N, C-alpha and C. Protein backbone atom coordinates (compact mmCIF):
# COMPACT_ATOMS: atom_id res chain seq x y z
N UNK A 1 -57.31 -174.91 -24.95
CA UNK A 1 -57.03 -176.18 -24.69
C UNK A 1 -58.10 -176.64 -24.16
N UNK A 2 -57.95 -178.13 -25.01
CA UNK A 2 -58.73 -179.20 -24.32
C UNK A 2 -58.51 -180.01 -23.13
N UNK A 3 -59.11 -180.09 -22.23
CA UNK A 3 -58.62 -180.76 -20.91
C UNK A 3 -59.66 -182.17 -20.67
N UNK A 4 -58.81 -183.25 -20.53
CA UNK A 4 -59.68 -184.45 -20.27
C UNK A 4 -59.54 -185.13 -18.62
N UNK A 5 -60.59 -185.24 -18.02
CA UNK A 5 -60.03 -185.75 -16.74
C UNK A 5 -60.15 -186.64 -16.41
N UNK A 6 -58.96 -187.55 -15.57
CA UNK A 6 -58.81 -189.19 -15.43
C UNK A 6 -60.23 -190.03 -14.91
N UNK A 7 -60.01 -190.95 -14.63
CA UNK A 7 -61.21 -191.86 -13.93
C UNK A 7 -61.00 -191.22 -12.40
N UNK A 8 -60.49 -190.25 -11.64
CA UNK A 8 -60.41 -189.94 -10.59
C UNK A 8 -61.18 -188.58 -10.38
N UNK A 9 -61.64 -187.78 -11.67
CA UNK A 9 -62.07 -186.58 -11.83
C UNK A 9 -60.80 -185.77 -11.90
N UNK A 10 -59.50 -185.45 -12.00
CA UNK A 10 -58.43 -184.87 -11.72
C UNK A 10 -57.99 -184.45 -13.39
N UNK A 11 -57.76 -183.15 -13.73
CA UNK A 11 -57.31 -182.40 -14.49
C UNK A 11 -55.69 -182.52 -14.58
N UNK A 12 -55.08 -182.39 -15.32
CA UNK A 12 -53.41 -182.05 -15.08
C UNK A 12 -53.02 -181.44 -16.71
N UNK A 13 -52.57 -180.30 -16.39
CA UNK A 13 -52.09 -179.19 -17.34
C UNK A 13 -50.99 -178.11 -16.70
N UNK A 14 -49.78 -178.87 -16.69
CA UNK A 14 -48.59 -178.26 -15.77
C UNK A 14 -48.55 -176.89 -16.28
N UNK A 15 -48.55 -176.48 -17.41
CA UNK A 15 -48.25 -174.76 -17.93
C UNK A 15 -49.29 -174.46 -17.19
N UNK A 16 -50.66 -174.84 -16.75
CA UNK A 16 -51.92 -174.07 -16.57
C UNK A 16 -52.14 -173.95 -14.97
N UNK A 17 -51.59 -175.19 -14.42
CA UNK A 17 -52.14 -175.57 -13.06
C UNK A 17 -50.45 -176.17 -12.41
N UNK A 18 -49.71 -174.68 -11.92
CA UNK A 18 -48.92 -175.36 -11.45
C UNK A 18 -48.94 -176.52 -10.34
N UNK A 19 -48.42 -177.32 -9.82
CA UNK A 19 -48.24 -177.99 -8.20
C UNK A 19 -48.61 -177.26 -7.38
N UNK A 20 -49.48 -177.12 -6.24
CA UNK A 20 -49.19 -176.25 -4.66
C UNK A 20 -49.86 -174.96 -4.75
N UNK A 21 -50.58 -174.75 -6.40
CA UNK A 21 -51.30 -173.83 -6.13
C UNK A 21 -52.86 -173.78 -6.16
N UNK A 22 -53.41 -172.68 -5.37
CA UNK A 22 -54.91 -173.00 -5.11
C UNK A 22 -55.76 -172.09 -5.87
N UNK A 23 -56.84 -173.22 -6.42
CA UNK A 23 -58.02 -172.53 -7.66
C UNK A 23 -59.21 -172.83 -6.91
N UNK A 24 -60.35 -171.93 -7.31
CA UNK A 24 -61.96 -172.07 -6.82
C UNK A 24 -62.30 -171.83 -8.35
N UNK A 25 -63.11 -173.26 -8.26
CA UNK A 25 -63.86 -173.45 -9.53
C UNK A 25 -65.50 -173.52 -9.18
N UNK A 26 -66.17 -172.63 -10.04
CA UNK A 26 -67.31 -172.89 -9.67
C UNK A 26 -68.10 -173.19 -11.40
N UNK A 27 -69.52 -173.41 -11.25
CA UNK A 27 -70.21 -173.85 -11.96
C UNK A 27 -70.79 -172.68 -13.04
N UNK A 28 -71.33 -172.13 -13.98
CA UNK A 28 -71.94 -170.90 -14.51
C UNK A 28 -73.03 -171.45 -14.81
N UNK A 29 -74.43 -170.47 -14.68
CA UNK A 29 -75.66 -170.99 -15.30
C UNK A 29 -75.67 -171.31 -16.38
N UNK A 30 -74.68 -170.71 -17.23
CA UNK A 30 -74.53 -171.35 -18.42
C UNK A 30 -74.10 -172.62 -19.06
N UNK A 31 -73.63 -173.57 -17.71
CA UNK A 31 -73.23 -174.61 -17.90
C UNK A 31 -71.72 -174.70 -17.88
N UNK A 32 -70.93 -173.73 -18.48
CA UNK A 32 -69.51 -173.76 -18.00
C UNK A 32 -69.12 -173.58 -16.78
N UNK A 33 -67.58 -173.93 -16.61
CA UNK A 33 -66.92 -173.58 -15.51
C UNK A 33 -66.14 -172.54 -15.57
N UNK A 34 -65.60 -172.42 -14.20
CA UNK A 34 -65.10 -170.93 -14.29
C UNK A 34 -64.16 -171.34 -13.24
N UNK A 35 -62.60 -170.88 -13.62
CA UNK A 35 -61.60 -171.70 -12.69
C UNK A 35 -60.89 -170.35 -12.14
N UNK A 36 -60.84 -170.04 -11.09
CA UNK A 36 -60.10 -168.55 -10.90
C UNK A 36 -58.71 -168.96 -9.76
N UNK A 37 -57.53 -168.64 -10.36
CA UNK A 37 -56.28 -168.93 -9.42
C UNK A 37 -56.37 -168.06 -8.12
N UNK A 38 -56.51 -168.29 -6.72
CA UNK A 38 -56.75 -167.59 -5.55
C UNK A 38 -55.40 -167.20 -5.34
N UNK A 39 -54.94 -165.75 -5.21
CA UNK A 39 -53.50 -164.96 -4.53
C UNK A 39 -53.72 -164.54 -3.53
N UNK A 40 -53.32 -164.68 -2.13
CA UNK A 40 -53.35 -164.41 -1.33
C UNK A 40 -52.68 -162.82 -1.55
N UNK A 41 -53.17 -161.93 -0.80
CA UNK A 41 -52.67 -160.52 -0.74
C UNK A 41 -52.59 -160.02 0.97
N UNK A 42 -51.45 -159.06 0.61
CA UNK A 42 -51.12 -158.84 1.72
C UNK A 42 -52.30 -157.69 2.47
N UNK A 43 -52.92 -157.79 3.52
CA UNK A 43 -54.14 -156.87 4.18
C UNK A 43 -53.24 -155.78 4.89
N UNK A 44 -53.45 -154.68 4.85
CA UNK A 44 -52.68 -153.64 5.91
C UNK A 44 -53.37 -153.58 7.26
N UNK A 45 -52.74 -153.57 8.15
CA UNK A 45 -53.16 -153.46 9.72
C UNK A 45 -53.11 -151.91 10.02
N UNK A 46 -54.38 -151.57 10.57
CA UNK A 46 -54.54 -150.22 11.20
C UNK A 46 -54.85 -150.33 12.54
N UNK A 47 -53.96 -149.99 13.30
CA UNK A 47 -53.68 -149.66 14.84
C UNK A 47 -55.19 -149.08 15.15
N UNK A 48 -55.94 -149.52 16.32
CA UNK A 48 -57.25 -149.15 16.69
C UNK A 48 -56.78 -148.94 18.45
N UNK A 49 -57.37 -148.24 18.80
CA UNK A 49 -57.59 -147.40 19.84
C UNK A 49 -58.71 -147.79 20.97
N UNK A 50 -58.74 -148.75 22.04
CA UNK A 50 -59.89 -149.20 22.30
C UNK A 50 -59.89 -148.60 23.98
N UNK A 51 -60.77 -147.68 23.85
CA UNK A 51 -61.16 -146.74 25.23
C UNK A 51 -61.70 -147.47 26.19
N UNK A 52 -61.72 -146.89 27.13
CA UNK A 52 -61.77 -147.71 28.53
C UNK A 52 -63.60 -148.05 28.61
N UNK A 53 -64.29 -147.23 28.15
CA UNK A 53 -65.94 -147.77 27.90
C UNK A 53 -66.23 -148.68 26.70
N UNK A 54 -65.09 -149.12 26.30
CA UNK A 54 -65.35 -150.36 25.58
C UNK A 54 -65.35 -149.57 23.94
N UNK A 55 -65.65 -148.66 23.59
CA UNK A 55 -65.52 -148.03 22.19
C UNK A 55 -63.97 -147.96 21.57
N UNK A 56 -64.00 -147.93 20.51
CA UNK A 56 -62.94 -148.06 19.36
C UNK A 56 -62.61 -146.62 18.59
N UNK A 57 -61.34 -146.18 18.25
CA UNK A 57 -60.87 -145.04 17.79
C UNK A 57 -60.17 -145.70 16.56
N UNK A 58 -60.29 -145.58 15.69
CA UNK A 58 -59.40 -145.76 14.46
C UNK A 58 -58.70 -144.23 14.08
N UNK A 59 -57.18 -144.08 13.87
CA UNK A 59 -56.71 -142.92 13.74
C UNK A 59 -56.94 -142.50 12.39
N UNK A 60 -57.51 -142.87 11.28
CA UNK A 60 -57.76 -142.95 9.92
C UNK A 60 -58.94 -142.86 9.49
N UNK A 61 -59.80 -141.92 9.55
CA UNK A 61 -60.94 -141.96 9.09
C UNK A 61 -61.04 -141.83 7.33
N UNK A 62 -62.37 -142.67 6.94
CA UNK A 62 -62.78 -142.89 5.85
C UNK A 62 -63.87 -142.43 5.53
N UNK A 63 -64.22 -141.61 4.36
CA UNK A 63 -65.72 -141.41 3.98
C UNK A 63 -66.36 -142.88 3.53
N UNK A 64 -67.69 -142.72 3.42
CA UNK A 64 -68.53 -143.87 2.57
C UNK A 64 -67.85 -143.98 1.07
N UNK A 65 -67.74 -142.74 0.60
CA UNK A 65 -67.07 -143.06 -0.73
C UNK A 65 -65.97 -143.33 -1.21
N UNK A 66 -64.91 -143.13 -0.20
CA UNK A 66 -63.45 -143.62 -0.13
C UNK A 66 -63.32 -145.56 0.10
N UNK A 67 -64.63 -145.94 1.09
CA UNK A 67 -64.83 -147.18 1.54
C UNK A 67 -65.34 -148.10 0.24
N UNK A 68 -66.03 -147.34 -0.73
CA UNK A 68 -66.22 -147.96 -1.70
C UNK A 68 -65.52 -147.96 -2.68
N UNK A 69 -64.99 -146.85 -3.14
CA UNK A 69 -63.74 -146.87 -4.05
C UNK A 69 -62.74 -148.02 -3.96
N UNK A 70 -62.29 -148.05 -2.41
CA UNK A 70 -61.28 -149.32 -2.31
C UNK A 70 -61.84 -150.43 -2.49
N UNK A 71 -62.95 -151.13 -1.93
CA UNK A 71 -63.44 -152.00 -2.33
C UNK A 71 -63.67 -152.18 -4.01
N UNK A 72 -63.99 -151.47 -4.66
CA UNK A 72 -64.00 -151.69 -6.53
C UNK A 72 -62.55 -151.91 -6.83
N UNK A 73 -61.69 -150.98 -6.34
CA UNK A 73 -60.35 -151.00 -6.83
C UNK A 73 -59.64 -152.60 -6.25
N UNK A 74 -59.93 -153.20 -5.45
CA UNK A 74 -59.76 -154.40 -5.06
C UNK A 74 -60.19 -155.37 -5.61
N UNK A 75 -61.59 -155.50 -6.24
CA UNK A 75 -62.15 -156.02 -7.12
C UNK A 75 -61.73 -156.30 -8.58
N UNK A 76 -61.46 -155.21 -8.87
CA UNK A 76 -60.86 -154.88 -10.04
C UNK A 76 -59.32 -155.73 -10.62
N UNK A 77 -58.33 -155.43 -9.35
CA UNK A 77 -57.30 -156.30 -9.26
C UNK A 77 -57.16 -157.38 -9.57
């Protein structure tokens, strides 16, 4: 689809860009422009216990591998 900007630099394509939707646009090294729809995700909240000495305790322990795997899965989603 070919889009042409108006005199104020706006693009309009109601099928691709519904009103009120948030997008991120960035220029790529090859000169192209990448437009990504930003989707809000729910983030799980883990209760943290604060000790009297100021240290924290998390009831759910995760290994480095599990953390990396969770980050990778989030990036691919």
